[in-house]
N, C-alpha and C. Protein backbone atom coordinates (compact mmCIF):
# COMPACT_ATOMS: atom_id res chain seq x y z
N UNK A 1 57.80 -1.58 -31.93
CA UNK A 1 56.90 -0.46 -32.04
C UNK A 1 55.47 -0.93 -32.31
N UNK A 2 55.31 -1.95 -33.18
CA UNK A 2 53.98 -2.45 -33.48
C UNK A 2 53.32 -3.06 -32.24
N UNK A 3 54.11 -3.78 -31.42
CA UNK A 3 53.56 -4.37 -30.20
C UNK A 3 53.07 -3.27 -29.26
N UNK A 4 53.84 -2.21 -29.16
CA UNK A 4 53.46 -1.10 -28.28
C UNK A 4 52.15 -0.48 -28.76
N UNK A 5 52.02 -0.28 -30.05
CA UNK A 5 50.78 0.29 -30.59
C UNK A 5 49.60 -0.65 -30.37
N UNK A 6 49.84 -1.94 -30.53
CA UNK A 6 48.78 -2.91 -30.29
C UNK A 6 48.31 -2.85 -28.84
N UNK A 7 49.24 -2.80 -27.90
CA UNK A 7 48.87 -2.71 -26.49
C UNK A 7 48.14 -1.41 -26.19
N UNK A 8 48.55 -0.35 -26.81
CA UNK A 8 47.88 0.94 -26.63
C UNK A 8 46.44 0.87 -27.14
N UNK A 9 46.26 0.28 -28.31
CA UNK A 9 44.91 0.15 -28.88
C UNK A 9 44.04 -0.74 -28.00
N UNK A 10 44.59 -1.87 -27.54
CA UNK A 10 43.83 -2.76 -26.67
C UNK A 10 43.46 -2.07 -25.36
N UNK A 11 44.39 -1.29 -24.83
CA UNK A 11 44.12 -0.56 -23.59
C UNK A 11 43.01 0.45 -23.76
N UNK A 12 43.03 1.18 -24.86
CA UNK A 12 41.99 2.16 -25.12
C UNK A 12 40.64 1.47 -25.31
N UNK A 13 40.63 0.34 -26.01
CA UNK A 13 39.39 -0.41 -26.21
C UNK A 13 38.84 -0.89 -24.87
N UNK A 14 39.72 -1.42 -24.02
CA UNK A 14 39.29 -1.89 -22.70
C UNK A 14 38.68 -0.75 -21.89
N UNK A 15 39.38 0.39 -21.84
CA UNK A 15 38.86 1.52 -21.08
C UNK A 15 37.53 2.00 -21.65
N UNK A 16 37.42 2.01 -22.97
CA UNK A 16 36.16 2.40 -23.60
C UNK A 16 35.03 1.47 -23.20
N UNK A 17 35.32 0.17 -23.22
CA UNK A 17 34.31 -0.81 -22.82
C UNK A 17 33.96 -0.63 -21.35
N UNK A 18 35.00 -0.48 -20.51
CA UNK A 18 34.80 -0.36 -19.07
C UNK A 18 33.92 0.83 -18.74
N UNK A 19 34.21 1.98 -19.31
CA UNK A 19 33.45 3.18 -18.98
C UNK A 19 32.12 3.25 -19.71
N UNK A 20 31.92 2.48 -20.75
CA UNK A 20 30.63 2.47 -21.42
C UNK A 20 29.66 1.48 -20.79
N UNK A 21 30.16 0.64 -19.87
CA UNK A 21 29.32 -0.33 -19.16
C UNK A 21 29.45 -0.07 -17.66
N UNK A 22 28.78 0.97 -17.17
CA UNK A 22 28.94 1.33 -15.76
C UNK A 22 28.41 0.26 -14.83
N UNK A 23 28.97 0.20 -13.64
CA UNK A 23 28.53 -0.72 -12.61
C UNK A 23 27.08 -0.40 -12.29
N UNK A 24 26.22 -1.36 -12.42
CA UNK A 24 24.82 -1.12 -12.10
C UNK A 24 24.37 -1.99 -10.94
N UNK A 25 25.31 -2.46 -10.17
CA UNK A 25 24.99 -3.28 -9.01
C UNK A 25 24.78 -2.45 -7.77
N UNK A 26 24.57 -3.11 -6.65
CA UNK A 26 24.28 -2.41 -5.39
C UNK A 26 25.53 -1.77 -4.80
N UNK A 27 25.29 -0.95 -3.79
CA UNK A 27 26.38 -0.28 -3.08
C UNK A 27 26.63 -0.97 -1.76
N UNK A 28 27.89 -1.06 -1.40
CA UNK A 28 28.26 -1.65 -0.12
C UNK A 28 27.64 -0.81 1.01
N UNK A 29 27.15 -1.49 2.02
CA UNK A 29 26.53 -0.82 3.15
C UNK A 29 25.06 -0.50 2.95
N UNK A 30 24.52 -0.87 1.80
CA UNK A 30 23.11 -0.61 1.49
C UNK A 30 22.35 -1.93 1.39
N UNK A 31 21.05 -1.90 1.68
CA UNK A 31 20.24 -3.11 1.47
C UNK A 31 20.00 -3.33 -0.02
N UNK A 32 19.65 -4.56 -0.36
CA UNK A 32 19.34 -4.93 -1.74
C UNK A 32 17.96 -5.56 -1.76
N UNK A 33 17.13 -5.11 -2.68
CA UNK A 33 15.80 -5.71 -2.84
C UNK A 33 15.93 -6.95 -3.71
N UNK A 34 15.61 -8.10 -3.14
CA UNK A 34 15.68 -9.35 -3.89
C UNK A 34 14.61 -10.29 -3.34
N UNK A 35 13.67 -10.63 -4.19
CA UNK A 35 12.61 -11.55 -3.79
C UNK A 35 12.26 -12.43 -4.99
N UNK A 36 11.98 -13.71 -4.72
CA UNK A 36 11.67 -14.65 -5.79
C UNK A 36 11.05 -15.91 -5.21
N UNK A 37 10.51 -16.73 -6.10
CA UNK A 37 10.05 -18.06 -5.72
C UNK A 37 11.17 -19.03 -6.04
N UNK A 38 11.60 -19.75 -5.03
CA UNK A 38 12.72 -20.69 -5.18
C UNK A 38 12.25 -21.96 -5.90
N UNK A 39 13.22 -22.75 -6.31
CA UNK A 39 12.92 -23.98 -7.03
C UNK A 39 12.09 -24.96 -6.20
N UNK A 40 12.16 -24.85 -4.88
CA UNK A 40 11.37 -25.74 -4.02
C UNK A 40 9.97 -25.19 -3.76
N UNK A 41 9.65 -24.03 -4.38
CA UNK A 41 8.33 -23.43 -4.22
C UNK A 41 8.23 -22.42 -3.09
N UNK A 42 9.27 -22.30 -2.27
CA UNK A 42 9.24 -21.35 -1.15
C UNK A 42 9.45 -19.92 -1.66
N UNK A 43 8.89 -18.97 -0.92
CA UNK A 43 9.08 -17.56 -1.25
C UNK A 43 10.32 -17.06 -0.50
N UNK A 44 11.22 -16.45 -1.22
CA UNK A 44 12.45 -15.92 -0.63
C UNK A 44 12.43 -14.41 -0.79
N UNK A 45 12.63 -13.71 0.32
CA UNK A 45 12.68 -12.25 0.31
C UNK A 45 13.84 -11.84 1.20
N UNK A 46 14.86 -11.29 0.59
CA UNK A 46 16.07 -10.91 1.34
C UNK A 46 15.74 -9.93 2.46
N UNK A 47 14.81 -9.02 2.23
CA UNK A 47 14.47 -8.04 3.26
C UNK A 47 13.82 -8.70 4.48
N UNK A 48 13.18 -9.84 4.30
CA UNK A 48 12.54 -10.56 5.41
C UNK A 48 13.56 -11.36 6.22
N UNK A 49 14.81 -11.39 5.79
CA UNK A 49 15.84 -12.17 6.47
C UNK A 49 16.67 -11.32 7.43
N UNK A 50 16.20 -10.11 7.71
CA UNK A 50 16.91 -9.26 8.67
C UNK A 50 17.02 -10.00 9.99
N UNK A 51 18.14 -9.80 10.67
CA UNK A 51 18.42 -10.54 11.90
C UNK A 51 19.29 -11.76 11.64
N UNK A 52 19.50 -12.07 10.35
CA UNK A 52 20.36 -13.18 9.97
C UNK A 52 21.48 -12.65 9.08
N UNK A 53 22.57 -13.39 9.03
CA UNK A 53 23.65 -13.12 8.09
C UNK A 53 23.34 -13.96 6.86
N UNK A 54 23.36 -13.32 5.68
CA UNK A 54 22.94 -14.01 4.46
C UNK A 54 24.02 -13.93 3.39
N UNK A 55 24.32 -15.07 2.81
CA UNK A 55 25.21 -15.15 1.65
C UNK A 55 24.35 -15.34 0.41
N UNK A 56 24.53 -14.48 -0.59
CA UNK A 56 23.90 -14.67 -1.88
C UNK A 56 24.99 -15.14 -2.82
N UNK A 57 24.81 -16.36 -3.33
CA UNK A 57 25.83 -17.03 -4.14
C UNK A 57 25.34 -17.13 -5.59
N UNK A 58 25.98 -16.36 -6.48
CA UNK A 58 25.71 -16.44 -7.92
C UNK A 58 26.64 -17.52 -8.46
N UNK A 59 26.09 -18.57 -9.05
CA UNK A 59 26.89 -19.74 -9.40
C UNK A 59 26.25 -20.50 -10.55
N UNK A 60 26.93 -21.55 -11.03
CA UNK A 60 26.39 -22.47 -12.04
C UNK A 60 27.14 -23.79 -11.95
N UNK A 61 26.48 -24.86 -12.35
CA UNK A 61 27.10 -26.19 -12.31
C UNK A 61 28.24 -26.31 -13.31
N UNK A 62 28.21 -25.55 -14.40
CA UNK A 62 29.24 -25.61 -15.44
C UNK A 62 30.46 -24.75 -15.11
N UNK A 63 30.41 -24.05 -14.01
CA UNK A 63 31.49 -23.13 -13.59
C UNK A 63 32.43 -23.87 -12.64
N UNK A 64 33.62 -24.21 -13.13
CA UNK A 64 34.60 -24.93 -12.31
C UNK A 64 34.91 -24.25 -10.99
N UNK A 65 35.27 -22.95 -10.98
CA UNK A 65 35.53 -22.28 -9.71
C UNK A 65 34.32 -22.27 -8.77
N UNK A 66 33.12 -22.19 -9.33
CA UNK A 66 31.91 -22.25 -8.49
C UNK A 66 31.85 -23.59 -7.77
N UNK A 67 32.07 -24.65 -8.52
CA UNK A 67 31.98 -25.99 -7.94
C UNK A 67 33.09 -26.22 -6.92
N UNK A 68 34.24 -25.59 -7.12
CA UNK A 68 35.33 -25.70 -6.13
C UNK A 68 34.96 -25.02 -4.82
N UNK A 69 34.11 -23.99 -4.88
CA UNK A 69 33.70 -23.27 -3.68
C UNK A 69 32.60 -23.99 -2.90
N UNK A 70 31.87 -24.88 -3.55
CA UNK A 70 30.71 -25.52 -2.91
C UNK A 70 31.06 -26.18 -1.58
N UNK A 71 32.12 -26.99 -1.47
CA UNK A 71 32.40 -27.61 -0.17
C UNK A 71 32.61 -26.58 0.95
N UNK A 72 33.24 -25.46 0.64
CA UNK A 72 33.46 -24.41 1.63
C UNK A 72 32.14 -23.78 2.06
N UNK A 73 31.26 -23.51 1.10
CA UNK A 73 29.96 -22.91 1.43
C UNK A 73 29.12 -23.90 2.23
N UNK A 74 29.09 -25.15 1.83
CA UNK A 74 28.33 -26.18 2.55
C UNK A 74 28.85 -26.32 3.98
N UNK A 75 30.16 -26.37 4.15
CA UNK A 75 30.75 -26.52 5.48
C UNK A 75 30.41 -25.31 6.37
N UNK A 76 30.48 -24.10 5.81
CA UNK A 76 30.15 -22.90 6.57
C UNK A 76 28.67 -22.90 6.94
N UNK A 77 27.83 -23.25 5.99
CA UNK A 77 26.39 -23.33 6.25
C UNK A 77 26.10 -24.34 7.36
N UNK A 78 26.67 -25.52 7.25
CA UNK A 78 26.42 -26.56 8.26
C UNK A 78 26.91 -26.15 9.63
N UNK A 79 28.03 -25.44 9.69
CA UNK A 79 28.60 -25.03 10.97
C UNK A 79 27.84 -23.86 11.60
N UNK A 80 27.29 -22.96 10.79
CA UNK A 80 26.76 -21.70 11.33
C UNK A 80 25.28 -21.45 11.09
N UNK A 81 24.61 -22.33 10.39
CA UNK A 81 23.19 -22.13 10.11
C UNK A 81 22.37 -21.99 11.40
N UNK A 82 22.67 -22.82 12.37
CA UNK A 82 21.91 -22.79 13.63
C UNK A 82 22.12 -21.49 14.41
N UNK A 83 23.16 -20.74 14.04
CA UNK A 83 23.45 -19.46 14.71
C UNK A 83 22.88 -18.26 13.94
N UNK A 84 22.21 -18.53 12.81
CA UNK A 84 21.59 -17.44 12.07
C UNK A 84 22.20 -17.15 10.71
N UNK A 85 22.88 -18.12 10.13
CA UNK A 85 23.47 -17.94 8.81
C UNK A 85 22.60 -18.61 7.76
N UNK A 86 22.28 -17.88 6.70
CA UNK A 86 21.48 -18.39 5.60
C UNK A 86 22.24 -18.22 4.29
N UNK A 87 21.91 -19.06 3.33
CA UNK A 87 22.48 -18.96 1.98
C UNK A 87 21.33 -18.94 0.98
N UNK A 88 21.48 -18.12 -0.03
CA UNK A 88 20.55 -18.08 -1.17
C UNK A 88 21.38 -18.32 -2.41
N UNK A 89 20.99 -19.27 -3.23
CA UNK A 89 21.69 -19.56 -4.48
C UNK A 89 20.97 -18.93 -5.66
N UNK A 90 21.73 -18.29 -6.54
CA UNK A 90 21.20 -17.74 -7.79
C UNK A 90 21.93 -18.49 -8.90
N UNK A 91 21.25 -19.47 -9.50
CA UNK A 91 21.89 -20.34 -10.48
C UNK A 91 21.80 -19.76 -11.89
N UNK A 92 22.93 -19.69 -12.55
CA UNK A 92 22.99 -19.24 -13.94
C UNK A 92 22.98 -20.43 -14.89
N UNK A 93 22.48 -21.55 -14.42
CA UNK A 93 22.36 -22.74 -15.26
C UNK A 93 21.22 -22.59 -16.25
N UNK A 94 21.27 -23.41 -17.30
CA UNK A 94 20.18 -23.47 -18.27
C UNK A 94 19.45 -24.81 -18.19
N UNK A 95 19.99 -25.75 -17.42
CA UNK A 95 19.43 -27.09 -17.32
C UNK A 95 18.99 -27.32 -15.87
N UNK A 96 17.69 -27.28 -15.63
CA UNK A 96 17.15 -27.39 -14.27
C UNK A 96 17.47 -28.75 -13.64
N UNK A 97 17.33 -29.83 -14.40
CA UNK A 97 17.56 -31.15 -13.81
C UNK A 97 19.02 -31.31 -13.40
N UNK A 98 19.94 -30.74 -14.16
CA UNK A 98 21.36 -30.80 -13.79
C UNK A 98 21.60 -30.00 -12.51
N UNK A 99 21.01 -28.82 -12.42
CA UNK A 99 21.17 -28.01 -11.21
C UNK A 99 20.59 -28.74 -10.00
N UNK A 100 19.39 -29.31 -10.15
CA UNK A 100 18.77 -30.04 -9.04
C UNK A 100 19.63 -31.22 -8.59
N UNK A 101 20.19 -31.95 -9.55
CA UNK A 101 21.03 -33.11 -9.22
C UNK A 101 22.27 -32.67 -8.44
N UNK A 102 22.90 -31.62 -8.88
CA UNK A 102 24.12 -31.14 -8.21
C UNK A 102 23.81 -30.64 -6.81
N UNK A 103 22.72 -29.87 -6.65
CA UNK A 103 22.41 -29.36 -5.31
C UNK A 103 22.10 -30.51 -4.34
N UNK A 104 21.42 -31.53 -4.82
CA UNK A 104 21.16 -32.71 -3.97
C UNK A 104 22.46 -33.43 -3.63
N UNK A 105 23.27 -33.69 -4.65
CA UNK A 105 24.51 -34.46 -4.47
C UNK A 105 25.50 -33.74 -3.56
N UNK A 106 25.57 -32.43 -3.65
CA UNK A 106 26.56 -31.65 -2.89
C UNK A 106 26.04 -31.16 -1.54
N UNK A 107 24.77 -31.40 -1.23
CA UNK A 107 24.24 -30.97 0.06
C UNK A 107 23.92 -29.48 0.13
N UNK A 108 23.56 -28.90 -1.01
CA UNK A 108 23.22 -27.47 -1.08
C UNK A 108 21.72 -27.34 -0.79
N UNK A 109 21.37 -27.34 0.50
CA UNK A 109 19.98 -27.45 0.92
C UNK A 109 19.25 -26.11 0.96
N UNK A 110 19.91 -25.03 0.70
CA UNK A 110 19.31 -23.70 0.77
C UNK A 110 18.50 -23.40 -0.50
N UNK A 111 17.67 -22.35 -0.45
CA UNK A 111 16.84 -21.99 -1.61
C UNK A 111 17.69 -21.60 -2.83
N UNK A 112 17.19 -22.00 -3.98
CA UNK A 112 17.86 -21.68 -5.25
C UNK A 112 16.89 -20.94 -6.17
N UNK A 113 17.41 -19.92 -6.85
CA UNK A 113 16.67 -19.27 -7.91
C UNK A 113 17.18 -19.81 -9.24
N UNK A 114 16.25 -20.20 -10.10
CA UNK A 114 16.59 -20.73 -11.42
C UNK A 114 15.56 -20.23 -12.41
N UNK A 115 16.04 -19.62 -13.51
CA UNK A 115 15.09 -19.23 -14.56
C UNK A 115 15.49 -19.79 -15.93
N UNK A 116 16.62 -20.54 -15.98
CA UNK A 116 17.03 -21.20 -17.21
C UNK A 116 17.61 -20.29 -18.27
N UNK A 117 17.92 -19.06 -17.91
CA UNK A 117 18.39 -18.07 -18.90
C UNK A 117 19.90 -17.89 -18.93
N UNK A 118 20.63 -18.70 -18.17
CA UNK A 118 22.10 -18.61 -18.18
C UNK A 118 22.57 -17.21 -17.81
N UNK A 119 23.43 -16.64 -18.64
CA UNK A 119 23.97 -15.30 -18.36
C UNK A 119 22.89 -14.22 -18.40
N UNK A 120 21.73 -14.52 -18.94
CA UNK A 120 20.62 -13.57 -18.95
C UNK A 120 19.69 -13.78 -17.76
N UNK A 121 20.14 -14.53 -16.77
CA UNK A 121 19.38 -14.73 -15.53
C UNK A 121 18.89 -13.37 -15.04
N UNK A 122 17.60 -13.28 -14.76
CA UNK A 122 17.01 -11.98 -14.45
C UNK A 122 17.60 -11.33 -13.21
N UNK A 123 17.82 -12.09 -12.15
CA UNK A 123 18.38 -11.49 -10.94
C UNK A 123 19.84 -11.11 -11.17
N UNK A 124 20.63 -12.01 -11.75
CA UNK A 124 22.04 -11.71 -11.99
C UNK A 124 22.19 -10.49 -12.89
N UNK A 125 21.39 -10.41 -13.95
CA UNK A 125 21.47 -9.28 -14.87
C UNK A 125 21.07 -7.98 -14.17
N UNK A 126 20.03 -8.03 -13.37
CA UNK A 126 19.58 -6.80 -12.69
C UNK A 126 20.57 -6.33 -11.65
N UNK A 127 21.40 -7.23 -11.13
CA UNK A 127 22.40 -6.87 -10.12
C UNK A 127 23.79 -6.60 -10.72
N UNK A 128 23.90 -6.67 -12.04
CA UNK A 128 25.17 -6.35 -12.69
C UNK A 128 26.22 -7.44 -12.58
N UNK A 129 25.80 -8.68 -12.46
CA UNK A 129 26.74 -9.79 -12.34
C UNK A 129 27.31 -10.12 -13.72
N UNK A 130 28.64 -10.05 -13.85
CA UNK A 130 29.31 -10.33 -15.11
C UNK A 130 30.30 -11.48 -15.01
N UNK A 131 30.48 -12.02 -13.80
CA UNK A 131 31.38 -13.17 -13.63
C UNK A 131 30.90 -13.97 -12.42
N UNK A 132 31.17 -15.25 -12.48
CA UNK A 132 30.85 -16.12 -11.36
C UNK A 132 32.07 -17.00 -11.08
N UNK A 133 32.24 -17.48 -9.86
CA UNK A 133 31.34 -17.27 -8.73
C UNK A 133 31.42 -15.84 -8.20
N UNK A 134 30.29 -15.34 -7.80
CA UNK A 134 30.19 -14.07 -7.08
C UNK A 134 29.40 -14.35 -5.83
N UNK A 135 29.96 -13.95 -4.70
CA UNK A 135 29.30 -14.20 -3.41
C UNK A 135 29.22 -12.90 -2.63
N UNK A 136 27.99 -12.50 -2.36
CA UNK A 136 27.74 -11.30 -1.57
C UNK A 136 27.30 -11.69 -0.18
N UNK A 137 27.84 -11.00 0.82
CA UNK A 137 27.51 -11.28 2.21
C UNK A 137 26.78 -10.09 2.80
N UNK A 138 25.63 -10.37 3.43
CA UNK A 138 24.80 -9.33 4.03
C UNK A 138 24.82 -9.47 5.55
N UNK A 139 24.89 -8.32 6.23
CA UNK A 139 24.90 -8.35 7.70
C UNK A 139 23.48 -8.53 8.24
N UNK A 140 23.34 -8.56 9.55
CA UNK A 140 22.05 -8.80 10.18
C UNK A 140 21.05 -7.69 9.91
N UNK A 141 21.52 -6.52 9.52
CA UNK A 141 20.63 -5.41 9.21
C UNK A 141 20.23 -5.39 7.73
N UNK A 142 20.64 -6.43 7.00
CA UNK A 142 20.28 -6.53 5.59
C UNK A 142 21.14 -5.69 4.67
N UNK A 143 22.25 -5.17 5.17
CA UNK A 143 23.14 -4.34 4.36
C UNK A 143 24.24 -5.18 3.73
N UNK A 144 24.57 -4.86 2.50
CA UNK A 144 25.64 -5.56 1.80
C UNK A 144 26.96 -5.24 2.49
N UNK A 145 27.60 -6.29 2.99
CA UNK A 145 28.83 -6.14 3.76
C UNK A 145 30.08 -6.47 2.96
N UNK A 146 29.95 -7.41 2.00
CA UNK A 146 31.13 -7.90 1.29
C UNK A 146 30.74 -8.35 -0.11
N UNK A 147 31.44 -7.80 -1.12
CA UNK A 147 31.21 -8.19 -2.51
C UNK A 147 31.96 -9.47 -2.89
N UNK A 148 32.95 -9.84 -2.10
CA UNK A 148 33.80 -11.00 -2.42
C UNK A 148 33.95 -11.86 -1.17
N UNK A 149 32.89 -12.55 -0.83
CA UNK A 149 32.89 -13.32 0.42
C UNK A 149 33.61 -14.66 0.30
N UNK A 150 34.13 -14.97 -0.88
CA UNK A 150 34.76 -16.28 -1.08
C UNK A 150 35.94 -16.50 -0.14
N UNK A 151 36.82 -15.55 -0.06
CA UNK A 151 38.04 -15.72 0.74
C UNK A 151 37.72 -15.53 2.22
N UNK A 152 37.96 -16.57 3.00
CA UNK A 152 37.72 -16.50 4.45
C UNK A 152 36.26 -16.43 4.81
N UNK A 153 35.41 -17.12 4.07
CA UNK A 153 33.96 -17.04 4.26
C UNK A 153 33.56 -17.31 5.70
N UNK A 154 34.00 -18.41 6.27
CA UNK A 154 33.53 -18.76 7.62
C UNK A 154 33.91 -17.68 8.63
N UNK A 155 35.12 -17.17 8.56
CA UNK A 155 35.54 -16.11 9.47
C UNK A 155 34.72 -14.84 9.30
N UNK A 156 34.40 -14.50 8.07
CA UNK A 156 33.58 -13.32 7.80
C UNK A 156 32.19 -13.50 8.37
N UNK A 157 31.62 -14.68 8.19
CA UNK A 157 30.27 -14.95 8.71
C UNK A 157 30.30 -14.92 10.24
N UNK A 158 31.28 -15.54 10.85
CA UNK A 158 31.38 -15.55 12.32
C UNK A 158 31.47 -14.12 12.86
N UNK A 159 32.24 -13.29 12.20
CA UNK A 159 32.40 -11.89 12.64
C UNK A 159 31.05 -11.16 12.55
N UNK A 160 30.32 -11.35 11.46
CA UNK A 160 29.02 -10.68 11.32
C UNK A 160 27.99 -11.24 12.30
N UNK A 161 28.03 -12.53 12.57
CA UNK A 161 27.11 -13.12 13.54
C UNK A 161 27.35 -12.57 14.94
N UNK A 162 28.59 -12.23 15.25
CA UNK A 162 28.95 -11.74 16.58
C UNK A 162 28.54 -10.27 16.80
N UNK A 163 28.23 -9.57 15.73
CA UNK A 163 27.87 -8.15 15.85
C UNK A 163 26.46 -7.97 16.36
């Protein structure tokens, strides 16, 4: 009986937390306003990338699952970049030199946003990111097509490029 009550209390607490923290991220099928100066000094504006398929990758060097995804993202980028595929990295790291070293070592040649604030990263916080890796895929019209682009990334990108 005590276990049942404990589970009931935990369930109520979870639901209370869930409904008191509403999703404040973008809607599928809608464009997202995202612009910043990347670590390499280039200006990145998602709205200016219309005509391309774009992956926005929220990640960090300390995130094991993020690092496991890197080879897949790099391979997809290398295979499809010339056909109009772009990647934007939003790093939740707090150590810039570590992030720079990893991006160089792993071949992550795309623009990266870094503000050193970890989970308080301004872009991630404004988009409602609460877990990483999170990968959003945008179609050629700049509309959010997929909130979870990790599974079958290359096939998803190929399909959007063909549209």
